[in-house]
PDB file of N, CA and C in Angstrom:
ATOM      1  N   MET A   1     -97.054 -45.804 -13.428  1.00  0.00           N
ATOM      2  CA  MET A   1     -96.294 -44.714 -12.894  1.00  0.00           C
ATOM      3  C   MET A   1     -97.222 -43.500 -12.812  1.00  0.00           C
ATOM      4  N   THR A   2     -97.126 -42.852 -11.705  1.00  0.00           N
ATOM      5  CA  THR A   2     -97.992 -41.698 -11.495  1.00  0.00           C
ATOM      6  C   THR A   2     -97.384 -40.498 -12.200  1.00  0.00           C
ATOM      7  N   PRO A   3     -98.185 -39.491 -12.461  1.00  0.00           N
ATOM      8  CA  PRO A   3     -97.653 -38.291 -13.120  1.00  0.00           C
ATOM      9  C   PRO A   3     -96.547 -37.635 -12.290  1.00  0.00           C
ATOM     10  N   GLU A   4     -96.646 -37.732 -10.976  1.00  0.00           N
ATOM     11  CA  GLU A   4     -95.623 -37.163 -10.099  1.00  0.00           C
ATOM     12  C   GLU A   4     -94.303 -37.915 -10.264  1.00  0.00           C
ATOM     13  N   GLN A   5     -94.339 -39.211 -10.293  1.00  0.00           N
ATOM     14  CA  GLN A   5     -93.138 -40.029 -10.473  1.00  0.00           C
ATOM     15  C   GLN A   5     -92.546 -39.795 -11.868  1.00  0.00           C
ATOM     16  N   LEU A   6     -93.408 -39.705 -12.837  1.00  0.00           N
ATOM     17  CA  LEU A   6     -92.961 -39.433 -14.203  1.00  0.00           C
ATOM     18  C   LEU A   6     -92.260 -38.077 -14.270  1.00  0.00           C
ATOM     19  N   GLN A   7     -92.833 -37.089 -13.592  1.00  0.00           N
ATOM     20  CA  GLN A   7     -92.237 -35.745 -13.557  1.00  0.00           C
ATOM     21  C   GLN A   7     -90.853 -35.802 -12.893  1.00  0.00           C
ATOM     22  N   ARG A   8     -90.742 -36.504 -11.757  1.00  0.00           N
ATOM     23  CA  ARG A   8     -89.464 -36.613 -11.053  1.00  0.00           C
ATOM     24  C   ARG A   8     -88.433 -37.345 -11.902  1.00  0.00           C
ATOM     25  N   THR A   9     -88.842 -38.374 -12.587  1.00  0.00           N
ATOM     26  CA  THR A   9     -87.938 -39.134 -13.455  1.00  0.00           C
ATOM     27  C   THR A   9     -87.434 -38.256 -14.583  1.00  0.00           C
ATOM     28  N   MET A  10     -88.356 -37.494 -15.173  1.00  0.00           N
ATOM     29  CA  MET A  10     -87.962 -36.602 -16.272  1.00  0.00           C
ATOM     30  C   MET A  10     -87.000 -35.512 -15.763  1.00  0.00           C
ATOM     31  N   GLU A  11     -87.287 -34.953 -14.587  1.00  0.00           N
ATOM     32  CA  GLU A  11     -86.403 -33.940 -14.010  1.00  0.00           C
ATOM     33  C   GLU A  11     -85.027 -34.539 -13.712  1.00  0.00           C
ATOM     34  N   PHE A  12     -85.026 -35.770 -13.199  1.00  0.00           N
ATOM     35  CA  PHE A  12     -83.769 -36.463 -12.917  1.00  0.00           C
ATOM     36  C   PHE A  12     -82.961 -36.639 -14.203  1.00  0.00           C
ATOM     37  N   ILE A  13     -83.623 -37.092 -15.255  1.00  0.00           N
ATOM     38  CA  ILE A  13     -82.968 -37.326 -16.550  1.00  0.00           C
ATOM     39  C   ILE A  13     -82.450 -36.003 -17.115  1.00  0.00           C
ATOM     40  N   VAL A  14     -83.263 -34.955 -17.060  1.00  0.00           N
ATOM     41  CA  VAL A  14     -82.869 -33.643 -17.587  1.00  0.00           C
ATOM     42  C   VAL A  14     -81.684 -33.098 -16.787  1.00  0.00           C
ATOM     43  N   GLU A  15     -81.744 -33.253 -15.463  1.00  0.00           N
ATOM     44  CA  GLU A  15     -80.665 -32.773 -14.593  1.00  0.00           C
ATOM     45  C   GLU A  15     -79.358 -33.494 -14.915  1.00  0.00           C
ATOM     46  N   HIS A  16     -79.429 -34.820 -15.056  1.00  0.00           N
ATOM     47  CA  HIS A  16     -78.219 -35.599 -15.380  1.00  0.00           C
ATOM     48  C   HIS A  16     -77.725 -35.297 -16.786  1.00  0.00           C
ATOM     49  N   GLN A  17     -78.650 -35.065 -17.678  1.00  0.00           N
ATOM     50  CA  GLN A  17     -78.277 -34.719 -19.054  1.00  0.00           C
ATOM     51  C   GLN A  17     -77.500 -33.393 -19.055  1.00  0.00           C
ATOM     52  N   ALA A  18     -77.966 -32.436 -18.254  1.00  0.00           N
ATOM     53  CA  ALA A  18     -77.297 -31.135 -18.161  1.00  0.00           C
ATOM     54  C   ALA A  18     -75.892 -31.310 -17.574  1.00  0.00           C
ATOM     55  N   LYS A  19     -75.780 -32.156 -16.529  1.00  0.00           N
ATOM     56  CA  LYS A  19     -74.471 -32.422 -15.933  1.00  0.00           C
ATOM     57  C   LYS A  19     -73.530 -33.069 -16.950  1.00  0.00           C
ATOM     58  N   PHE A  20     -74.061 -34.032 -17.687  1.00  0.00           N
ATOM     59  CA  PHE A  20     -73.251 -34.700 -18.707  1.00  0.00           C
ATOM     60  C   PHE A  20     -72.783 -33.705 -19.767  1.00  0.00           C
ATOM     61  N   GLU A  21     -73.657 -32.823 -20.135  1.00  0.00           N
ATOM     62  CA  GLU A  21     -73.311 -31.831 -21.140  1.00  0.00           C
ATOM     63  C   GLU A  21     -72.192 -30.916 -20.643  1.00  0.00           C
ATOM     64  N   VAL A  22     -72.299 -30.490 -19.384  1.00  0.00           N
ATOM     65  CA  VAL A  22     -71.259 -29.640 -18.795  1.00  0.00           C
ATOM     66  C   VAL A  22     -69.943 -30.411 -18.742  1.00  0.00           C
ATOM     67  N   GLU A  23     -70.002 -31.657 -18.318  1.00  0.00           N
ATOM     68  CA  GLU A  23     -68.793 -32.463 -18.232  1.00  0.00           C
ATOM     69  C   GLU A  23     -68.187 -32.703 -19.614  1.00  0.00           C
ATOM     70  N   ILE A  24     -69.044 -32.930 -20.602  1.00  0.00           N
ATOM     71  CA  ILE A  24     -68.553 -33.126 -21.973  1.00  0.00           C
ATOM     72  C   ILE A  24     -67.887 -31.846 -22.467  1.00  0.00           C
ATOM     73  N   GLN A  25     -68.456 -30.699 -22.181  1.00  0.00           N
ATOM     74  CA  GLN A  25     -67.858 -29.414 -22.564  1.00  0.00           C
ATOM     75  C   GLN A  25     -66.492 -29.250 -21.880  1.00  0.00           C
ATOM     76  N   GLN A  26     -66.433 -29.624 -20.608  1.00  0.00           N
ATOM     77  CA  GLN A  26     -65.161 -29.539 -19.887  1.00  0.00           C
ATOM     78  C   GLN A  26     -64.114 -30.467 -20.506  1.00  0.00           C
ATOM     79  N   LEU A  27     -64.571 -31.663 -20.913  1.00  0.00           N
ATOM     80  CA  LEU A  27     -63.651 -32.597 -21.568  1.00  0.00           C
ATOM     81  C   LEU A  27     -63.158 -32.041 -22.902  1.00  0.00           C
ATOM     82  N   PHE A  28     -64.064 -31.438 -23.671  1.00  0.00           N
ATOM     83  CA  PHE A  28     -63.671 -30.816 -24.937  1.00  0.00           C
ATOM     84  C   PHE A  28     -62.656 -29.697 -24.697  1.00  0.00           C
ATOM     85  N   GLU A  29     -62.904 -28.898 -23.667  1.00  0.00           N
ATOM     86  CA  GLU A  29     -61.999 -27.800 -23.333  1.00  0.00           C
ATOM     87  C   GLU A  29     -60.629 -28.347 -22.894  1.00  0.00           C
ATOM     88  N   SER A  30     -60.647 -29.384 -22.063  1.00  0.00           N
ATOM     89  CA  SER A  30     -59.400 -30.015 -21.633  1.00  0.00           C
ATOM     90  C   SER A  30     -58.643 -30.595 -22.826  1.00  0.00           C
ATOM     91  N   GLN A  31     -59.376 -31.205 -23.731  1.00  0.00           N
ATOM     92  CA  GLN A  31     -58.756 -31.775 -24.923  1.00  0.00           C
ATOM     93  C   GLN A  31     -58.118 -30.675 -25.778  1.00  0.00           C
ATOM     94  N   ARG A  32     -58.817 -29.550 -25.919  1.00  0.00           N
ATOM     95  CA  ARG A  32     -58.284 -28.421 -26.692  1.00  0.00           C
ATOM     96  C   ARG A  32     -57.001 -27.897 -26.033  1.00  0.00           C
ATOM     97  N   GLU A  33     -57.027 -27.762 -24.705  1.00  0.00           N
ATOM     98  CA  GLU A  33     -55.855 -27.283 -23.978  1.00  0.00           C
ATOM     99  C   GLU A  33     -54.681 -28.253 -24.121  1.00  0.00           C
ATOM    100  N   LEU A  34     -54.996 -29.564 -24.069  1.00  0.00           N
ATOM    101  CA  LEU A  34     -53.946 -30.565 -24.243  1.00  0.00           C
ATOM    102  C   LEU A  34     -53.344 -30.503 -25.644  1.00  0.00           C
ATOM    103  N   ARG A  35     -54.186 -30.287 -26.643  1.00  0.00           N
ATOM    104  CA  ARG A  35     -53.686 -30.158 -28.018  1.00  0.00           C
ATOM    105  C   ARG A  35     -52.762 -28.945 -28.140  1.00  0.00           C
ATOM    106  N   GLU A  36     -53.175 -27.833 -27.534  1.00  0.00           N
ATOM    107  CA  GLU A  36     -52.346 -26.628 -27.574  1.00  0.00           C
ATOM    108  C   GLU A  36     -51.015 -26.857 -26.851  1.00  0.00           C
ATOM    109  N   ALA A  37     -51.096 -27.501 -25.685  1.00  0.00           N
ATOM    110  CA  ALA A  37     -49.871 -27.802 -24.934  1.00  0.00           C
ATOM    111  C   ALA A  37     -48.984 -28.752 -25.732  1.00  0.00           C
ATOM    112  N   ASP A  38     -49.596 -29.751 -26.364  1.00  0.00           N
ATOM    113  CA  ASP A  38     -48.852 -30.696 -27.182  1.00  0.00           C
ATOM    114  C   ASP A  38     -48.156 -29.964 -28.331  1.00  0.00           C
ATOM    115  N   GLU A  39     -48.859 -29.026 -28.944  1.00  0.00           N
ATOM    116  CA  GLU A  39     -48.271 -28.254 -30.045  1.00  0.00           C
ATOM    117  C   GLU A  39     -47.068 -27.434 -29.540  1.00  0.00           C
ATOM    118  N   ARG A  40     -47.218 -26.822 -28.368  1.00  0.00           N
ATOM    119  CA  ARG A  40     -46.099 -26.054 -27.799  1.00  0.00           C
ATOM    120  C   ARG A  40     -44.913 -26.973 -27.496  1.00  0.00           C
ATOM    121  N   VAL A  41     -45.201 -28.162 -26.976  1.00  0.00           N
ATOM    122  CA  VAL A  41     -44.133 -29.128 -26.690  1.00  0.00           C
ATOM    123  C   VAL A  41     -43.438 -29.539 -27.977  1.00  0.00           C
ATOM    124  N   ARG A  42     -44.204 -29.773 -29.023  1.00  0.00           N
ATOM    125  CA  ARG A  42     -43.621 -30.156 -30.315  1.00  0.00           C
ATOM    126  C   ARG A  42     -42.747 -29.029 -30.869  1.00  0.00           C
ATOM    127  N   GLU A  43     -43.235 -27.796 -30.748  1.00  0.00           N
ATOM    128  CA  GLU A  43     -42.446 -26.649 -31.211  1.00  0.00           C
ATOM    129  C   GLU A  43     -41.158 -26.525 -30.404  1.00  0.00           C
ATOM    130  N   SER A  44     -41.269 -26.697 -29.095  1.00  0.00           N
ATOM    131  CA  SER A  44     -40.080 -26.635 -28.241  1.00  0.00           C
ATOM    132  C   SER A  44     -39.106 -27.750 -28.598  1.00  0.00           C
ATOM    133  N   GLN A  45     -39.647 -28.918 -28.845  1.00  0.00           N
ATOM    134  CA  GLN A  45     -38.801 -30.052 -29.210  1.00  0.00           C
ATOM    135  C   GLN A  45     -38.091 -29.771 -30.528  1.00  0.00           C
ATOM    136  N   ALA A  46     -38.811 -29.198 -31.497  1.00  0.00           N
ATOM    137  CA  ALA A  46     -38.196 -28.860 -32.781  1.00  0.00           C
ATOM    138  C   ALA A  46     -37.097 -27.814 -32.588  1.00  0.00           C
ATOM    139  N   THR A  47     -37.365 -26.833 -31.738  1.00  0.00           N
ATOM    140  CA  THR A  47     -36.361 -25.804 -31.462  1.00  0.00           C
ATOM    141  C   THR A  47     -35.139 -26.411 -30.796  1.00  0.00           C
ATOM    142  N   LEU A  48     -35.366 -27.280 -29.816  1.00  0.00           N
ATOM    143  CA  LEU A  48     -34.250 -27.939 -29.137  1.00  0.00           C
ATOM    144  C   LEU A  48     -33.458 -28.830 -30.088  1.00  0.00           C
ATOM    145  N   THR A  49     -34.154 -29.534 -30.941  1.00  0.00           N
ATOM    146  CA  THR A  49     -33.477 -30.399 -31.907  1.00  0.00           C
ATOM    147  C   THR A  49     -32.605 -29.565 -32.832  1.00  0.00           C
ATOM    148  N   ALA A  50     -33.155 -28.448 -33.323  1.00  0.00           N
ATOM    149  CA  ALA A  50     -32.372 -27.561 -34.190  1.00  0.00           C
ATOM    150  C   ALA A  50     -31.160 -27.008 -33.439  1.00  0.00           C
ATOM    151  N   ALA A  51     -31.353 -26.647 -32.181  1.00  0.00           N
ATOM    152  CA  ALA A  51     -30.249 -26.119 -31.380  1.00  0.00           C
ATOM    153  C   ALA A  51     -29.182 -27.197 -31.164  1.00  0.00           C
ATOM    154  N   MET A  52     -29.610 -28.416 -30.920  1.00  0.00           N
ATOM    155  CA  MET A  52     -28.648 -29.503 -30.721  1.00  0.00           C
ATOM    156  C   MET A  52     -27.880 -29.795 -32.003  1.00  0.00           C
ATOM    157  N   VAL A  53     -28.567 -29.743 -33.133  1.00  0.00           N
ATOM    158  CA  VAL A  53     -27.895 -29.954 -34.419  1.00  0.00           C
ATOM    159  C   VAL A  53     -26.834 -28.877 -34.613  1.00  0.00           C
ATOM    160  N   ARG A  54     -27.201 -27.619 -34.360  1.00  0.00           N
ATOM    161  CA  ARG A  54     -26.248 -26.514 -34.521  1.00  0.00           C
ATOM    162  C   ARG A  54     -25.094 -26.650 -33.532  1.00  0.00           C
ATOM    163  N   LEU A  55     -25.406 -27.022 -32.304  1.00  0.00           N
ATOM    164  CA  LEU A  55     -24.368 -27.219 -31.294  1.00  0.00           C
ATOM    165  C   LEU A  55     -23.406 -28.324 -31.726  1.00  0.00           C
ATOM    166  N   THR A  56     -23.936 -29.392 -32.264  1.00  0.00           N
ATOM    167  CA  THR A  56     -23.102 -30.488 -32.768  1.00  0.00           C
ATOM    168  C   THR A  56     -22.199 -29.990 -33.885  1.00  0.00           C
ATOM    169  N   GLU A  57     -22.749 -29.178 -34.791  1.00  0.00           N
ATOM    170  CA  GLU A  57     -21.950 -28.613 -35.876  1.00  0.00           C
ATOM    171  C   GLU A  57     -20.830 -27.739 -35.319  1.00  0.00           C
ATOM    172  N   ILE A  58     -21.153 -26.925 -34.337  1.00  0.00           N
ATOM    173  CA  ILE A  58     -20.152 -26.032 -33.739  1.00  0.00           C
ATOM    174  C   ILE A  58     -19.051 -26.854 -33.071  1.00  0.00           C
ATOM    175  N   ILE A  59     -19.446 -27.901 -32.355  1.00  0.00           N
ATOM    176  CA  ILE A  59     -18.467 -28.765 -31.693  1.00  0.00           C
ATOM    177  C   ILE A  59     -17.544 -29.405 -32.730  1.00  0.00           C
ATOM    178  N   GLU A  60     -18.126 -29.897 -33.828  1.00  0.00           N
ATOM    179  CA  GLU A  60     -17.321 -30.522 -34.877  1.00  0.00           C
ATOM    180  C   GLU A  60     -16.367 -29.506 -35.504  1.00  0.00           C
ATOM    181  N   GLU A  61     -16.862 -28.279 -35.751  1.00  0.00           N
ATOM    182  CA  GLU A  61     -15.999 -27.227 -36.303  1.00  0.00           C
ATOM    183  C   GLU A  61     -14.850 -26.926 -35.346  1.00  0.00           C
ATOM    184  N   ASN A  62     -15.168 -26.827 -34.051  1.00  0.00           N
ATOM    185  CA  ASN A  62     -14.129 -26.553 -33.055  1.00  0.00           C
ATOM    186  C   ASN A  62     -13.117 -27.693 -32.984  1.00  0.00           C
ATOM    187  N   GLU A  63     -13.603 -28.918 -33.089  1.00  0.00           N
ATOM    188  CA  GLU A  63     -12.691 -30.065 -33.061  1.00  0.00           C
ATOM    189  C   GLU A  63     -11.744 -30.023 -34.253  1.00  0.00           C
ATOM    190  N   GLU A  64     -12.272 -29.668 -35.429  1.00  0.00           N
ATOM    191  CA  GLU A  64     -11.428 -29.565 -36.618  1.00  0.00           C
ATOM    192  C   GLU A  64     -10.386 -28.465 -36.444  1.00  0.00           C
ATOM    193  N   ARG A  65     -10.831 -27.296 -35.951  1.00  0.00           N
ATOM    194  CA  ARG A  65      -9.896 -26.189 -35.728  1.00  0.00           C
ATOM    195  C   ARG A  65      -8.838 -26.566 -34.695  1.00  0.00           C
ATOM    196  N   ASN A  66      -9.269 -27.218 -33.624  1.00  0.00           N
ATOM    197  CA  ASN A  66      -8.320 -27.623 -32.586  1.00  0.00           C
ATOM    198  C   ASN A  66      -7.333 -28.649 -33.124  1.00  0.00           C
ATOM    199  N   GLU A  67      -7.819 -29.554 -33.951  1.00  0.00           N
ATOM    200  CA  GLU A  67      -6.931 -30.561 -34.532  1.00  0.00           C
ATOM    201  C   GLU A  67      -5.853 -29.878 -35.371  1.00  0.00           C
ATOM    202  N   LYS A  68      -6.246 -28.891 -36.164  1.00  0.00           N
ATOM    203  CA  LYS A  68      -5.269 -28.146 -36.973  1.00  0.00           C
ATOM    204  C   LYS A  68      -4.302 -27.383 -36.077  1.00  0.00           C
ATOM    205  N   ARG A  69      -4.824 -26.785 -35.017  1.00  0.00           N
ATOM    206  CA  ARG A  69      -3.948 -26.065 -34.082  1.00  0.00           C
ATOM    207  C   ARG A  69      -2.955 -27.018 -33.434  1.00  0.00           C
ATOM    208  N   PHE A  70      -3.418 -28.183 -33.013  1.00  0.00           N
ATOM    209  CA  PHE A  70      -2.526 -29.158 -32.395  1.00  0.00           C
ATOM    210  C   PHE A  70      -1.460 -29.622 -33.385  1.00  0.00           C
ATOM    211  N   GLU A  71      -1.854 -29.784 -34.653  1.00  0.00           N
ATOM    212  CA  GLU A  71      -0.871 -30.177 -35.657  1.00  0.00           C
ATOM    213  C   GLU A  71       0.198 -29.103 -35.806  1.00  0.00           C
ATOM    214  N   ARG A  72      -0.222 -27.820 -35.835  1.00  0.00           N
ATOM    215  CA  ARG A  72       0.750 -26.725 -35.939  1.00  0.00           C
ATOM    216  C   ARG A  72       1.644 -26.672 -34.699  1.00  0.00           C
ATOM    217  N   ILE A  73       1.053 -26.882 -33.531  1.00  0.00           N
ATOM    218  CA  ILE A  73       1.848 -26.889 -32.298  1.00  0.00           C
ATOM    219  C   ILE A  73       2.847 -28.037 -32.323  1.00  0.00           C
ATOM    220  N   ASP A  74       2.406 -29.212 -32.777  1.00  0.00           N
ATOM    221  CA  ASP A  74       3.311 -30.360 -32.876  1.00  0.00           C
ATOM    222  C   ASP A  74       4.482 -30.038 -33.808  1.00  0.00           C
ATOM    223  N   GLU A  75       4.176 -29.394 -34.951  1.00  0.00           N
ATOM    224  CA  GLU A  75       5.229 -29.020 -35.891  1.00  0.00           C
ATOM    225  C   GLU A  75       6.211 -28.050 -35.234  1.00  0.00           C
ATOM    226  N   LYS A  76       5.679 -27.101 -34.469  1.00  0.00           N
ATOM    227  CA  LYS A  76       6.542 -26.132 -33.789  1.00  0.00           C
ATOM    228  C   LYS A  76       7.417 -26.823 -32.743  1.00  0.00           C
ATOM    229  N   PHE A  77       6.864 -27.806 -32.032  1.00  0.00           N
ATOM    230  CA  PHE A  77       7.654 -28.547 -31.054  1.00  0.00           C
ATOM    231  C   PHE A  77       8.785 -29.319 -31.734  1.00  0.00           C
ATOM    232  N   VAL A  78       8.479 -29.890 -32.895  1.00  0.00           N
ATOM    233  CA  VAL A  78       9.519 -30.624 -33.626  1.00  0.00           C
ATOM    234  C   VAL A  78      10.623 -29.657 -34.044  1.00  0.00           C
ATOM    235  N   LYS A  79      10.236 -28.496 -34.585  1.00  0.00           N
ATOM    236  CA  LYS A  79      11.228 -27.500 -34.993  1.00  0.00           C
ATOM    237  C   LYS A  79      12.021 -27.001 -33.790  1.00  0.00           C
ATOM    238  N   LEU A  80      11.338 -26.790 -32.672  1.00  0.00           N
ATOM    239  CA  LEU A  80      12.021 -26.348 -31.464  1.00  0.00           C
ATOM    240  C   LEU A  80      13.022 -27.388 -30.989  1.00  0.00           C
ATOM    241  N   ALA A  81      12.625 -28.644 -31.006  1.00  0.00           N
ATOM    242  CA  ALA A  81      13.534 -29.719 -30.588  1.00  0.00           C
ATOM    243  C   ALA A  81      14.742 -29.781 -31.520  1.00  0.00           C
ATOM    244  N   GLU A  82      14.512 -29.603 -32.815  1.00  0.00           N
ATOM    245  CA  GLU A  82      15.618 -29.605 -33.771  1.00  0.00           C
ATOM    246  C   GLU A  82      16.544 -28.417 -33.521  1.00  0.00           C
ATOM    247  N   ALA A  83      15.943 -27.255 -33.257  1.00  0.00           N
ATOM    248  CA  ALA A  83      16.753 -26.063 -32.979  1.00  0.00           C
ATOM    249  C   ALA A  83      17.551 -26.235 -31.698  1.00  0.00           C
ATOM    250  N   GLN A  84      16.948 -26.827 -30.676  1.00  0.00           N
ATOM    251  CA  GLN A  84      17.669 -27.073 -29.428  1.00  0.00           C
ATOM    252  C   GLN A  84      18.817 -28.048 -29.650  1.00  0.00           C
ATOM    253  N   LYS A  85      18.571 -29.064 -30.455  1.00  0.00           N
ATOM    254  CA  LYS A  85      19.614 -30.042 -30.737  1.00  0.00           C
ATOM    255  C   LYS A  85      20.773 -29.371 -31.477  1.00  0.00           C
ATOM    256  N   ALA A  86      20.433 -28.524 -32.450  1.00  0.00           N
ATOM    257  CA  ALA A  86      21.473 -27.805 -33.190  1.00  0.00           C
ATOM    258  C   ALA A  86      22.227 -26.851 -32.270  1.00  0.00           C
ATOM    259  N   ALA A  87      21.500 -26.156 -31.390  1.00  0.00           N
ATOM    260  CA  ALA A  87      22.142 -25.232 -30.453  1.00  0.00           C
ATOM    261  C   ALA A  87      23.060 -25.991 -29.503  1.00  0.00           C
ATOM    262  N   GLN A  88      22.628 -27.147 -29.021  1.00  0.00           N
ATOM    263  CA  GLN A  88      23.467 -27.954 -28.132  1.00  0.00           C
ATOM    264  C   GLN A  88      24.734 -28.419 -28.856  1.00  0.00           C
ATOM    265  N   GLU A  89      24.595 -28.763 -30.135  1.00  0.00           N
ATOM    266  CA  GLU A  89      25.755 -29.174 -30.934  1.00  0.00           C
ATOM    267  C   GLU A  89      26.714 -28.001 -31.093  1.00  0.00           C
ATOM    268  N   GLN A  90      26.181 -26.818 -31.345  1.00  0.00           N
ATOM    269  CA  GLN A  90      27.038 -25.632 -31.473  1.00  0.00           C
ATOM    270  C   GLN A  90      27.729 -25.334 -30.147  1.00  0.00           C
ATOM    271  N   ILE A  91      27.000 -25.458 -29.047  1.00  0.00           N
ATOM    272  CA  ILE A  91      27.599 -25.229 -27.727  1.00  0.00           C
ATOM    273  C   ILE A  91      28.710 -26.241 -27.473  1.00  0.00           C
ATOM    274  N   ARG A  92      28.463 -27.501 -27.817  1.00  0.00           N
ATOM    275  CA  ARG A  92      29.483 -28.545 -27.644  1.00  0.00           C
ATOM    276  C   ARG A  92      30.715 -28.219 -28.479  1.00  0.00           C
ATOM    277  N   GLU A  93      30.513 -27.837 -29.738  1.00  0.00           N
ATOM    278  CA  GLU A  93      31.638 -27.487 -30.606  1.00  0.00           C
ATOM    279  C   GLU A  93      32.387 -26.274 -30.063  1.00  0.00           C
ATOM    280  N   THR A  94      31.622 -25.274 -29.603  1.00  0.00           N
ATOM    281  CA  THR A  94      32.247 -24.074 -29.035  1.00  0.00           C
ATOM    282  C   THR A  94      33.056 -24.431 -27.801  1.00  0.00           C
ATOM    283  N   ASN A  95      32.509 -25.277 -26.939  1.00  0.00           N
ATOM    284  CA  ASN A  95      33.238 -25.720 -25.748  1.00  0.00           C
ATOM    285  C   ASN A  95      34.517 -26.465 -26.117  1.00  0.00           C
ATOM    286  N   GLU A  96      34.432 -27.314 -27.134  1.00  0.00           N
ATOM    287  CA  GLU A  96      35.624 -28.042 -27.576  1.00  0.00           C
ATOM    288  C   GLU A  96      36.692 -27.076 -28.075  1.00  0.00           C
ATOM    289  N   ARG A  97      36.264 -26.090 -28.863  1.00  0.00           N
ATOM    290  CA  ARG A  97      37.212 -25.108 -29.392  1.00  0.00           C
ATOM    291  C   ARG A  97      37.808 -24.263 -28.268  1.00  0.00           C
ATOM    292  N   LEU A  98      36.945 -23.853 -27.318  1.00  0.00           N
ATOM    293  CA  LEU A  98      37.450 -23.089 -26.180  1.00  0.00           C
ATOM    294  C   LEU A  98      38.436 -23.914 -25.362  1.00  0.00           C
ATOM    295  N   ASN A  99      38.105 -25.172 -25.145  1.00  0.00           N
ATOM    296  CA  ASN A  99      39.017 -26.047 -24.399  1.00  0.00           C
ATOM    297  C   ASN A  99      40.348 -26.198 -25.134  1.00  0.00           C
ATOM    298  N   ALA A 100      40.269 -26.323 -26.462  1.00  0.00           N
ATOM    299  CA  ALA A 100      41.506 -26.429 -27.249  1.00  0.00           C
ATOM    300  C   ALA A 100      42.307 -25.144 -27.126  1.00  0.00           C
ATOM    301  N   LEU A 101      41.646 -23.994 -27.213  1.00  0.00           N
ATOM    302  CA  LEU A 101      42.328 -22.708 -27.081  1.00  0.00           C
ATOM    303  C   LEU A 101      42.947 -22.558 -25.689  1.00  0.00           C
ATOM    304  N   ILE A 102      42.177 -22.933 -24.678  1.00  0.00           N
ATOM    305  CA  ILE A 102      42.694 -22.866 -23.304  1.00  0.00           C
ATOM    306  C   ILE A 102      43.924 -23.761 -23.168  1.00  0.00           C
ATOM    307  N   HIS A 103      43.850 -24.926 -23.751  1.00  0.00           N
ATOM    308  CA  HIS A 103      44.976 -25.864 -23.688  1.00  0.00           C
ATOM    309  C   HIS A 103      46.203 -25.263 -24.369  1.00  0.00           C
ATOM    310  N   ILE A 104      46.023 -24.646 -25.539  1.00  0.00           N
ATOM    311  CA  ILE A 104      47.133 -24.012 -26.255  1.00  0.00           C
ATOM    312  C   ILE A 104      47.728 -22.885 -25.425  1.00  0.00           C
ATOM    313  N   VAL A 105      46.854 -22.046 -24.871  1.00  0.00           N
ATOM    314  CA  VAL A 105      47.337 -20.917 -24.067  1.00  0.00           C
ATOM    315  C   VAL A 105      48.070 -21.426 -22.829  1.00  0.00           C
ATOM    316  N   GLU A 106      47.516 -22.433 -22.176  1.00  0.00           N
ATOM    317  CA  GLU A 106      48.184 -22.989 -20.997  1.00  0.00           C
ATOM    318  C   GLU A 106      49.545 -23.567 -21.358  1.00  0.00           C
ATOM    319  N   ASP A 107      49.589 -24.325 -22.478  1.00  0.00           N
ATOM    320  CA  ASP A 107      50.867 -24.890 -22.925  1.00  0.00           C
ATOM    321  C   ASP A 107      51.870 -23.785 -23.209  1.00  0.00           C
ATOM    322  N   HIS A 108      51.401 -22.741 -23.865  1.00  0.00           N
ATOM    323  CA  HIS A 108      52.275 -21.622 -24.207  1.00  0.00           C
ATOM    324  C   HIS A 108      52.825 -20.963 -22.934  1.00  0.00           C
ATOM    325  N   ILE A 109      51.952 -20.754 -21.971  1.00  0.00           N
ATOM    326  CA  ILE A 109      52.374 -20.125 -20.720  1.00  0.00           C
ATOM    327  C   ILE A 109      53.348 -21.021 -19.973  1.00  0.00           C
ATOM    328  N   VAL A 110      53.059 -22.324 -19.917  1.00  0.00           N
ATOM    329  CA  VAL A 110      53.929 -23.260 -19.200  1.00  0.00           C
ATOM    330  C   VAL A 110      55.298 -23.306 -19.878  1.00  0.00           C
ATOM    331  N   ARG A 111      55.373 -23.388 -21.199  1.00  0.00           N
ATOM    332  CA  ARG A 111      56.636 -23.431 -21.927  1.00  0.00           C
ATOM    333  C   ARG A 111      57.422 -22.145 -21.720  1.00  0.00           C
ATOM    334  N   ARG A 112      56.727 -21.060 -21.720  1.00  0.00           N
ATOM    335  CA  ARG A 112      57.381 -19.772 -21.544  1.00  0.00           C
ATOM    336  C   ARG A 112      57.983 -19.685 -20.148  1.00  0.00           C
ATOM    337  N   ARG A 113      57.283 -20.167 -19.149  1.00  0.00           N
ATOM    338  CA  ARG A 113      57.786 -20.114 -17.773  1.00  0.00           C
ATOM    339  C   ARG A 113      58.962 -21.074 -17.608  1.00  0.00           C
ATOM    340  N   ASN A 114      58.842 -22.240 -18.203  1.00  0.00           N
ATOM    341  CA  ASN A 114      59.908 -23.219 -18.055  1.00  0.00           C
ATOM    342  C   ASN A 114      61.174 -22.783 -18.802  1.00  0.00           C
ATOM    343  N   GLY A 115      60.995 -22.066 -19.867  1.00  0.00           N
ATOM    344  CA  GLY A 115      62.140 -21.639 -20.674  1.00  0.00           C
ATOM    345  C   GLY A 115      62.782 -20.372 -20.185  1.00  0.00           C
ATOM    346  N   ARG A 116      62.119 -19.502 -19.582  1.00  0.00           N
ATOM    347  CA  ARG A 116      62.617 -18.219 -19.122  1.00  0.00           C
ATOM    348  C   ARG A 116      62.124 -17.916 -17.741  1.00  0.00           C
ATOM    349  N   ARG A 117      62.879 -17.058 -17.142  1.00  0.00           N
ATOM    350  CA  ARG A 117      62.438 -16.580 -15.860  1.00  0.00           C
ATOM    351  C   ARG A 117      61.574 -15.352 -16.059  1.00  0.00           C
ATOM    352  N   ARG A 118      60.846 -15.108 -15.081  1.00  0.00           N
ATOM    353  CA  ARG A 118      60.007 -13.923 -15.152  1.00  0.00           C
ATOM    354  C   ARG A 118      60.888 -12.694 -15.042  1.00  0.00           C
ATOM    355  N   ARG A 119      60.455 -11.677 -15.734  1.00  0.00           N
ATOM    356  CA  ARG A 119      61.157 -10.404 -15.648  1.00  0.00           C
ATOM    357  C   ARG A 119      60.821  -9.735 -14.345  1.00  0.00           C
ATOM    358  N   LYS A 120      61.792  -9.132 -13.810  1.00  0.00           N
ATOM    359  CA  LYS A 120      61.522  -8.359 -12.604  1.00  0.00           C
ATOM    360  C   LYS A 120      61.497  -6.905 -12.988  1.00  0.00           C
ATOM    361  N   ASN A 121      60.549  -6.227 -12.501  1.00  0.00           N
ATOM    362  CA  ASN A 121      60.424  -4.809 -12.836  1.00  0.00           C
ATOM    363  C   ASN A 121      61.131  -3.944 -11.865  1.00  0.00           C
TER     364      ASN A 121
END
């Protein structure tokens, strides 16, 4: 190999070595950026997980509160139905008594008319 060829070979090797070094530095930088991005993703995931846990707790609390509210509403509906039934019974009894009174008054009026004539003024 001539000194000129040796020089060109060495320059070629040095040039490629420099390129490799730059590329390796770029890879290291990319790796560092990926690690940072991965860390941010992990932090976000932890935050989301905590938020989902809290949301689940809130949903469960709301379900418990709603269940108690529904139970109270059900109790009120039962009481309302009982009150309506009692009111209907009172109305029925009142109607029966009114009908009996009307019947007595009608009988009284009919007997009075049949027994006497109307007075003329």
